[in-house]
Every structure is written in C-alpha cells, then in structure tokens.
C-alpha cells in the first residue's frame, strides 16, 4: 500500500481552489498517481528525482520513494508559473 503525504505548498494551493470541477479533476489525478506512482513524467536537471503529471493547464509535482513506497505531493501550479 502506497503512503501519500502532502507538502505545505500543495496543501496551501489546494485550499485556495474555488472551482469545484477543477478540484474534482485534481482528486481524480491524485488517485491515479497513488494507484500507479510512476505515471508522471520524470523531471531532469535541477528537479531530478521528481515527477510531474499534467492536468491542462496545470501540473502536479510529486516525489515517489520506491524503497519506502511513499508519495509526497510537492506542488500544484499553473504551467506558465514554471
């Protein structure tokens, strides 16, 4: 069973979302990540070790620790804020 944790940036931005349809899509993608943690695109260079999943026009950034079977959701942001 995968253990999921949420970072402070992710929680802060998730609480600010007022659009219920976007929240629903985000929750669906979170469950998708939890069921299959390697579904996201692996990042390179300075963000090596993290993964991203796209929910146009947003991104979910997370880290998957295979040894501990843990996912830490780092951030949720608009694509243009990168």
PDB file of N, CA and C in Angstrom:
ATOM      1  N   UNK A   1       0.850  -1.192   0.000  1.00  0.00           N
ATOM      2  CA  UNK A   1       0.000   0.000   0.000  1.00  0.00           C
ATOM      3  C   UNK A   1       0.882   1.237   0.000  1.00  0.00           C
ATOM      4  N   UNK A   2       0.599   2.142  -0.897  1.00  0.00           N
ATOM      5  CA  UNK A   2       1.369   3.375  -1.024  1.00  0.00           C
ATOM      6  C   UNK A   2       0.917   4.372   0.037  1.00  0.00           C
ATOM      7  N   UNK A   3       1.892   4.986   0.698  1.00  0.00           N
ATOM      8  CA  UNK A   3       1.607   6.036   1.682  1.00  0.00           C
ATOM      9  C   UNK A   3       1.729   7.374   0.963  1.00  0.00           C
ATOM     10  N   UNK A   4       0.729   8.227   1.095  1.00  0.00           N
ATOM     11  CA  UNK A   4       0.779   9.533   0.440  1.00  0.00           C
ATOM     12  C   UNK A   4       0.811  10.641   1.483  1.00  0.00           C
ATOM     13  N   UNK A   5       1.662  11.641   1.212  1.00  0.00           N
ATOM     14  CA  UNK A   5       1.796  12.807   2.078  1.00  0.00           C
ATOM     15  C   UNK A   5       1.691  14.042   1.204  1.00  0.00           C
ATOM     16  N   UNK A   6       1.255  15.132   1.810  1.00  0.00           N
ATOM     17  CA  UNK A   6       1.087  16.380   1.075  1.00  0.00           C
ATOM     18  C   UNK A   6       1.985  17.450   1.676  1.00  0.00           C
ATOM     19  N   UNK A   7       2.771  18.086   0.807  1.00  0.00           N
ATOM     20  CA  UNK A   7       3.660  19.153   1.248  1.00  0.00           C
ATOM     21  C   UNK A   7       2.892  20.431   1.532  1.00  0.00           C
ATOM     22  N   UNK A   8       3.524  21.394   2.204  1.00  0.00           N
ATOM     23  CA  UNK A   8       2.843  22.640   2.583  1.00  0.00           C
ATOM     24  C   UNK A   8       2.386  23.484   1.385  1.00  0.00           C
ATOM     25  N   UNK A   9       3.197  23.539   0.311  1.00  0.00           N
ATOM     26  CA  UNK A   9       2.799  24.315  -0.871  1.00  0.00           C
ATOM     27  C   UNK A   9       1.572  23.699  -1.533  1.00  0.00           C
ATOM     28  N   UNK A  10       1.553  22.369  -1.605  1.00  0.00           N
ATOM     29  CA  UNK A  10       0.424  21.681  -2.227  1.00  0.00           C
ATOM     30  C   UNK A  10      -0.854  21.933  -1.436  1.00  0.00           C
ATOM     31  N   UNK A  11      -0.800  21.764  -0.124  1.00  0.00           N
ATOM     32  CA  UNK A  11      -1.984  21.975   0.719  1.00  0.00           C
ATOM     33  C   UNK A  11      -2.491  23.404   0.623  1.00  0.00           C
ATOM     34  N   UNK A  12      -1.572  24.365   0.642  1.00  0.00           N
ATOM     35  CA  UNK A  12      -1.941  25.780   0.585  1.00  0.00           C
ATOM     36  C   UNK A  12      -2.674  26.105  -0.723  1.00  0.00           C
ATOM     37  N   UNK A  13      -2.128  25.636  -1.829  1.00  0.00           N
ATOM     38  CA  UNK A  13      -2.757  25.924  -3.126  1.00  0.00           C
ATOM     39  C   UNK A  13      -4.062  25.151  -3.322  1.00  0.00           C
ATOM     40  N   UNK A  14      -4.110  23.939  -2.788  1.00  0.00           N
ATOM     41  CA  UNK A  14      -5.334  23.145  -2.922  1.00  0.00           C
ATOM     42  C   UNK A  14      -6.488  23.805  -2.171  1.00  0.00           C
ATOM     43  N   UNK A  15      -6.220  24.365  -0.999  1.00  0.00           N
ATOM     44  CA  UNK A  15      -7.263  25.029  -0.213  1.00  0.00           C
ATOM     45  C   UNK A  15      -7.790  26.282  -0.898  1.00  0.00           C
ATOM     46  N   UNK A  16      -6.956  26.928  -1.712  1.00  0.00           N
ATOM     47  CA  UNK A  16      -7.349  28.175  -2.379  1.00  0.00           C
ATOM     48  C   UNK A  16      -8.220  27.955  -3.613  1.00  0.00           C
ATOM     49  N   UNK A  17      -8.292  26.741  -4.109  1.00  0.00           N
ATOM     50  CA  UNK A  17      -9.063  26.462  -5.326  1.00  0.00           C
ATOM     51  C   UNK A  17     -10.549  26.596  -5.031  1.00  0.00           C
ATOM     52  N   UNK A  18     -11.208  27.440  -5.800  1.00  0.00           N
ATOM     53  CA  UNK A  18     -12.643  27.659  -5.620  1.00  0.00           C
ATOM     54  C   UNK A  18     -13.474  26.886  -6.652  1.00  0.00           C
ATOM     55  N   UNK A  19     -12.878  26.572  -7.779  1.00  0.00           N
ATOM     56  CA  UNK A  19     -13.567  25.852  -8.849  1.00  0.00           C
ATOM     57  C   UNK A  19     -13.718  24.376  -8.467  1.00  0.00           C
ATOM     58  N   UNK A  20     -14.936  23.947  -8.241  1.00  0.00           N
ATOM     59  CA  UNK A  20     -15.201  22.572  -7.793  1.00  0.00           C
ATOM     60  C   UNK A  20     -14.880  21.533  -8.877  1.00  0.00           C
ATOM     61  N   UNK A  21     -15.075  21.898 -10.131  1.00  0.00           N
ATOM     62  CA  UNK A  21     -14.754  20.974 -11.222  1.00  0.00           C
ATOM     63  C   UNK A  21     -13.254  20.712 -11.275  1.00  0.00           C
ATOM     64  N   UNK A  22     -12.460  21.746 -11.064  1.00  0.00           N
ATOM     65  CA  UNK A  22     -11.006  21.587 -11.046  1.00  0.00           C
ATOM     66  C   UNK A  22     -10.574  20.750  -9.852  1.00  0.00           C
ATOM     67  N   UNK A  23     -11.191  20.962  -8.700  1.00  0.00           N
ATOM     68  CA  UNK A  23     -10.872  20.160  -7.514  1.00  0.00           C
ATOM     69  C   UNK A  23     -11.178  18.680  -7.761  1.00  0.00           C
ATOM     70  N   UNK A  24     -12.280  18.420  -8.429  1.00  0.00           N
ATOM     71  CA  UNK A  24     -12.669  17.037  -8.725  1.00  0.00           C
ATOM     72  C   UNK A  24     -11.649  16.383  -9.662  1.00  0.00           C
ATOM     73  N   UNK A  25     -11.233  17.118 -10.714  1.00  0.00           N
ATOM     74  CA  UNK A  25     -10.221  16.607 -11.650  1.00  0.00           C
ATOM     75  C   UNK A  25      -8.902  16.355 -10.936  1.00  0.00           C
ATOM     76  N   UNK A  26      -8.555  17.263 -10.030  1.00  0.00           N
ATOM     77  CA  UNK A  26      -7.313  17.121  -9.276  1.00  0.00           C
ATOM     78  C   UNK A  26      -7.348  15.883  -8.383  1.00  0.00           C
ATOM     79  N   UNK A  27      -8.478  15.650  -7.727  1.00  0.00           N
ATOM     80  CA  UNK A  27      -8.620  14.469  -6.865  1.00  0.00           C
ATOM     81  C   UNK A  27      -8.536  13.185  -7.693  1.00  0.00           C
ATOM     82  N   UNK A  28      -9.121  13.185  -8.889  1.00  0.00           N
ATOM     83  CA  UNK A  28      -9.040  12.021  -9.771  1.00  0.00           C
ATOM     84  C   UNK A  28      -7.593  11.715 -10.156  1.00  0.00           C
ATOM     85  N   UNK A  29      -6.840  12.771 -10.472  1.00  0.00           N
ATOM     86  CA  UNK A  29      -5.451  12.572 -10.857  1.00  0.00           C
ATOM     87  C   UNK A  29      -4.586  12.151  -9.665  1.00  0.00           C
ATOM     88  N   UNK A  30      -4.923  12.621  -8.481  1.00  0.00           N
ATOM     89  CA  UNK A  30      -4.192  12.196  -7.285  1.00  0.00           C
ATOM     90  C   UNK A  30      -4.395  10.704  -7.052  1.00  0.00           C
ATOM     91  N   UNK A  31      -5.630  10.229  -7.205  1.00  0.00           N
ATOM     92  CA  UNK A  31      -5.874   8.790  -7.043  1.00  0.00           C
ATOM     93  C   UNK A  31      -5.166   7.993  -8.140  1.00  0.00           C
ATOM     94  N   UNK A  32      -5.086   8.564  -9.338  1.00  0.00           N
ATOM     95  CA  UNK A  32      -4.369   7.918 -10.436  1.00  0.00           C
ATOM     96  C   UNK A  32      -2.888   7.779 -10.091  1.00  0.00           C
ATOM     97  N   UNK A  33      -2.304   8.820  -9.494  1.00  0.00           N
ATOM     98  CA  UNK A  33      -0.901   8.778  -9.096  1.00  0.00           C
ATOM     99  C   UNK A  33      -0.697   7.758  -7.984  1.00  0.00           C
ATOM    100  N   UNK A  34      -1.618   7.707  -7.031  1.00  0.00           N
ATOM    101  CA  UNK A  34      -1.484   6.771  -5.909  1.00  0.00           C
ATOM    102  C   UNK A  34      -1.567   5.323  -6.380  1.00  0.00           C
ATOM    103  N   UNK A  35      -2.440   5.038  -7.336  1.00  0.00           N
ATOM    104  CA  UNK A  35      -2.564   3.672  -7.826  1.00  0.00           C
ATOM    105  C   UNK A  35      -1.385   3.262  -8.713  1.00  0.00           C
ATOM    106  N   UNK A  36      -0.844   4.226  -9.458  1.00  0.00           N
ATOM    107  CA  UNK A  36       0.300   3.943 -10.331  1.00  0.00           C
ATOM    108  C   UNK A  36       1.307   5.092 -10.212  1.00  0.00           C
ATOM    109  N   UNK A  37       2.207   5.058  -9.228  1.00  0.00           N
ATOM    110  CA  UNK A  37       3.091   6.188  -8.914  1.00  0.00           C
ATOM    111  C   UNK A  37       4.047   6.607 -10.024  1.00  0.00           C
ATOM    112  N   UNK A  38       4.361   5.724 -10.937  1.00  0.00           N
ATOM    113  CA  UNK A  38       5.312   6.082 -11.981  1.00  0.00           C
ATOM    114  C   UNK A  38       4.637   6.589 -13.251  1.00  0.00           C
ATOM    115  N   UNK A  39       3.396   7.032 -13.132  1.00  0.00           N
ATOM    116  CA  UNK A  39       2.642   7.515 -14.285  1.00  0.00           C
ATOM    117  C   UNK A  39       3.132   8.904 -14.738  1.00  0.00           C
ATOM    118  N   UNK A  40       3.681   9.686 -13.836  1.00  0.00           N
ATOM    119  CA  UNK A  40       4.120  11.044 -14.163  1.00  0.00           C
ATOM    120  C   UNK A  40       5.420  11.071 -14.946  1.00  0.00           C
ATOM    121  N   UNK A  41       5.658  12.201 -15.587  1.00  0.00           N
ATOM    122  CA  UNK A  41       6.862  12.389 -16.379  1.00  0.00           C
ATOM    123  C   UNK A  41       8.049  12.669 -15.451  1.00  0.00           C
ATOM    124  N   UNK A  42       9.137  11.913 -15.567  1.00  0.00           N
ATOM    125  CA  UNK A  42      10.311  12.178 -14.721  1.00  0.00           C
ATOM    126  C   UNK A  42      10.980  13.486 -15.136  1.00  0.00           C
ATOM    127  N   UNK A  43      11.328  14.313 -14.167  1.00  0.00           N
ATOM    128  CA  UNK A  43      11.969  15.594 -14.438  1.00  0.00           C
ATOM    129  C   UNK A  43      13.490  15.412 -14.525  1.00  0.00           C
ATOM    130  N   UNK A  44      14.150  16.412 -15.121  1.00  0.00           N
ATOM    131  CA  UNK A  44      15.597  16.358 -15.303  1.00  0.00           C
ATOM    132  C   UNK A  44      16.258  17.581 -14.679  1.00  0.00           C
ATOM    133  N   UNK A  45      17.579  17.574 -14.700  1.00  0.00           N
ATOM    134  CA  UNK A  45      18.426  18.670 -14.249  1.00  0.00           C
ATOM    135  C   UNK A  45      18.178  19.013 -12.783  1.00  0.00           C
ATOM    136  N   UNK A  46      17.808  20.242 -12.463  1.00  0.00           N
ATOM    137  CA  UNK A  46      17.648  20.675 -11.077  1.00  0.00           C
ATOM    138  C   UNK A  46      16.502  20.011 -10.344  1.00  0.00           C
ATOM    139  N   UNK A  47      15.541  19.476 -11.074  1.00  0.00           N
ATOM    140  CA  UNK A  47      14.368  18.835 -10.462  1.00  0.00           C
ATOM    141  C   UNK A  47      14.424  17.321 -10.592  1.00  0.00           C
ATOM    142  N   UNK A  48      15.617  16.796 -10.789  1.00  0.00           N
ATOM    143  CA  UNK A  48      15.802  15.353 -10.943  1.00  0.00           C
ATOM    144  C   UNK A  48      15.316  14.629  -9.691  1.00  0.00           C
ATOM    145  N   UNK A  49      14.622  13.525  -9.901  1.00  0.00           N
ATOM    146  CA  UNK A  49      14.078  12.758  -8.786  1.00  0.00           C
ATOM    147  C   UNK A  49      12.601  13.028  -8.559  1.00  0.00           C
ATOM    148  N   UNK A  50      12.093  14.114  -9.147  1.00  0.00           N
ATOM    149  CA  UNK A  50      10.666  14.423  -9.020  1.00  0.00           C
ATOM    150  C   UNK A  50       9.952  14.015 -10.296  1.00  0.00           C
ATOM    151  N   UNK A  51       8.648  13.970 -10.212  1.00  0.00           N
ATOM    152  CA  UNK A  51       7.806  13.651 -11.364  1.00  0.00           C
ATOM    153  C   UNK A  51       6.691  14.681 -11.465  1.00  0.00           C
ATOM    154  N   UNK A  52       6.133  14.821 -12.659  1.00  0.00           N
ATOM    155  CA  UNK A  52       5.019  15.728 -12.891  1.00  0.00           C
ATOM    156  C   UNK A  52       3.936  15.025 -13.681  1.00  0.00           C
ATOM    157  N   UNK A  53       2.704  15.390 -13.350  1.00  0.00           N
ATOM    158  CA  UNK A  53       1.561  14.920 -14.111  1.00  0.00           C
ATOM    159  C   UNK A  53       0.791  16.152 -14.565  1.00  0.00           C
ATOM    160  N   UNK A  54       0.414  16.177 -15.818  1.00  0.00           N
ATOM    161  CA  UNK A  54      -0.252  17.335 -16.405  1.00  0.00           C
ATOM    162  C   UNK A  54      -1.763  17.222 -16.300  1.00  0.00           C
ATOM    163  N   UNK A  55      -2.373  18.315 -15.848  1.00  0.00           N
ATOM    164  CA  UNK A  55      -3.824  18.491 -15.877  1.00  0.00           C
ATOM    165  C   UNK A  55      -4.017  19.842 -16.561  1.00  0.00           C
ATOM    166  N   UNK A  56      -4.067  19.862 -17.881  1.00  0.00           N
ATOM    167  CA  UNK A  56      -4.008  21.142 -18.602  1.00  0.00           C
ATOM    168  C   UNK A  56      -4.928  22.202 -18.030  1.00  0.00           C
ATOM    169  N   UNK A  57      -4.437  23.406 -17.811  1.00  0.00           N
ATOM    170  CA  UNK A  57      -3.074  23.935 -17.955  1.00  0.00           C
ATOM    171  C   UNK A  57      -2.260  23.866 -16.664  1.00  0.00           C
ATOM    172  N   UNK A  58      -2.523  22.934 -15.791  1.00  0.00           N
ATOM    173  CA  UNK A  58      -1.836  22.830 -14.507  1.00  0.00           C
ATOM    174  C   UNK A  58      -0.904  21.625 -14.472  1.00  0.00           C
ATOM    175  N   UNK A  59      -0.050  21.590 -13.444  1.00  0.00           N
ATOM    176  CA  UNK A  59       0.870  20.485 -13.224  1.00  0.00           C
ATOM    177  C   UNK A  59       0.841  20.077 -11.746  1.00  0.00           C
ATOM    178  N   UNK A  60       0.937  18.780 -11.486  1.00  0.00           N
ATOM    179  CA  UNK A  60       1.105  18.265 -10.130  1.00  0.00           C
ATOM    180  C   UNK A  60       2.540  17.754 -10.049  1.00  0.00           C
ATOM    181  N   UNK A  61       3.292  18.270  -9.094  1.00  0.00           N
ATOM    182  CA  UNK A  61       4.670  17.851  -8.887  1.00  0.00           C
ATOM    183  C   UNK A  61       4.727  16.955  -7.652  1.00  0.00           C
ATOM    184  N   UNK A  62       5.397  15.808  -7.788  1.00  0.00           N
ATOM    185  CA  UNK A  62       5.476  14.871  -6.671  1.00  0.00           C
ATOM    186  C   UNK A  62       6.766  14.070  -6.716  1.00  0.00           C
ATOM    187  N   UNK A  63       7.089  13.444  -5.588  1.00  0.00           N
ATOM    188  CA  UNK A  63       8.251  12.565  -5.475  1.00  0.00           C
ATOM    189  C   UNK A  63       7.749  11.190  -5.059  1.00  0.00           C
ATOM    190  N   UNK A  64       8.289  10.170  -5.695  1.00  0.00           N
ATOM    191  CA  UNK A  64       7.937   8.795  -5.336  1.00  0.00           C
ATOM    192  C   UNK A  64       9.189   8.101  -4.810  1.00  0.00           C
ATOM    193  N   UNK A  65       9.133   7.697  -3.544  1.00  0.00           N
ATOM    194  CA  UNK A  65      10.220   6.946  -2.922  1.00  0.00           C
ATOM    195  C   UNK A  65       9.863   5.469  -2.995  1.00  0.00           C
ATOM    196  N   UNK A  66      10.498   4.773  -3.919  1.00  0.00           N
ATOM    197  CA  UNK A  66      10.171   3.373  -4.182  1.00  0.00           C
ATOM    198  C   UNK A  66      10.484   2.477  -2.982  1.00  0.00           C
ATOM    199  N   UNK A  67      11.605   2.734  -2.296  1.00  0.00           N
ATOM    200  CA  UNK A  67      12.017   1.889  -1.177  1.00  0.00           C
ATOM    201  C   UNK A  67      11.010   1.951  -0.023  1.00  0.00           C
ATOM    202  N   UNK A  68      10.539   3.163   0.296  1.00  0.00           N
ATOM    203  CA  UNK A  68       9.581   3.335   1.389  1.00  0.00           C
ATOM    204  C   UNK A  68       8.136   3.205   0.910  1.00  0.00           C
ATOM    205  N   UNK A  69       7.928   3.114  -0.413  1.00  0.00           N
ATOM    206  CA  UNK A  69       6.591   3.051  -1.006  1.00  0.00           C
ATOM    207  C   UNK A  69       5.752   4.251  -0.559  1.00  0.00           C
ATOM    208  N   UNK A  70       6.358   5.448  -0.725  1.00  0.00           N
ATOM    209  CA  UNK A  70       5.740   6.702  -0.279  1.00  0.00           C
ATOM    210  C   UNK A  70       5.718   7.709  -1.419  1.00  0.00           C
ATOM    211  N   UNK A  71       4.621   8.462  -1.504  1.00  0.00           N
ATOM    212  CA  UNK A  71       4.497   9.557  -2.455  1.00  0.00           C
ATOM    213  C   UNK A  71       4.332  10.845  -1.664  1.00  0.00           C
ATOM    214  N   UNK A  72       5.127  11.862  -2.014  1.00  0.00           N
ATOM    215  CA  UNK A  72       4.998  13.179  -1.393  1.00  0.00           C
ATOM    216  C   UNK A  72       4.604  14.151  -2.496  1.00  0.00           C
ATOM    217  N   UNK A  73       3.414  14.717  -2.373  1.00  0.00           N
ATOM    218  CA  UNK A  73       2.947  15.708  -3.336  1.00  0.00           C
ATOM    219  C   UNK A  73       3.557  17.048  -2.969  1.00  0.00           C
ATOM    220  N   UNK A  74       4.363  17.614  -3.875  1.00  0.00           N
ATOM    221  CA  UNK A  74       5.120  18.816  -3.576  1.00  0.00           C
ATOM    222  C   UNK A  74       4.374  20.096  -3.901  1.00  0.00           C
ATOM    223  N   UNK A  75       3.833  20.171  -5.111  1.00  0.00           N
ATOM    224  CA  UNK A  75       3.240  21.438  -5.544  1.00  0.00           C
ATOM    225  C   UNK A  75       2.195  21.188  -6.623  1.00  0.00           C
ATOM    226  N   UNK A  76       1.331  22.158  -6.763  1.00  0.00           N
ATOM    227  CA  UNK A  76       0.301  22.181  -7.803  1.00  0.00           C
ATOM    228  C   UNK A  76       0.356  23.588  -8.366  1.00  0.00           C
ATOM    229  N   UNK A  77       0.679  23.742  -9.648  1.00  0.00           N
ATOM    230  CA  UNK A  77       0.860  25.081 -10.193  1.00  0.00           C
ATOM    231  C   UNK A  77       0.426  25.172 -11.651  1.00  0.00           C
ATOM    232  N   UNK A  78       0.253  26.408 -12.092  1.00  0.00           N
ATOM    233  CA  UNK A  78      -0.087  26.677 -13.483  1.00  0.00           C
ATOM    234  C   UNK A  78       1.160  26.509 -14.330  1.00  0.00           C
ATOM    235  N   UNK A  79       0.995  26.022 -15.521  1.00  0.00           N
ATOM    236  CA  UNK A  79       2.115  25.743 -16.414  1.00  0.00           C
ATOM    237  C   UNK A  79       2.985  26.975 -16.663  1.00  0.00           C
ATOM    238  N   UNK A  80       2.389  28.151 -16.758  1.00  0.00           N
ATOM    239  CA  UNK A  80       3.122  29.369 -17.036  1.00  0.00           C
ATOM    240  C   UNK A  80       3.920  29.885 -15.842  1.00  0.00           C
ATOM    241  N   UNK A  81       3.709  29.331 -14.640  1.00  0.00           N
ATOM    242  CA  UNK A  81       4.439  29.763 -13.453  1.00  0.00           C
ATOM    243  C   UNK A  81       5.767  29.039 -13.280  1.00  0.00           C
ATOM    244  N   UNK A  82       6.085  28.123 -14.155  1.00  0.00           N
ATOM    245  CA  UNK A  82       7.282  27.295 -14.036  1.00  0.00           C
ATOM    246  C   UNK A  82       8.524  28.105 -13.894  1.00  0.00           C
TER     247      UNK A  82
END
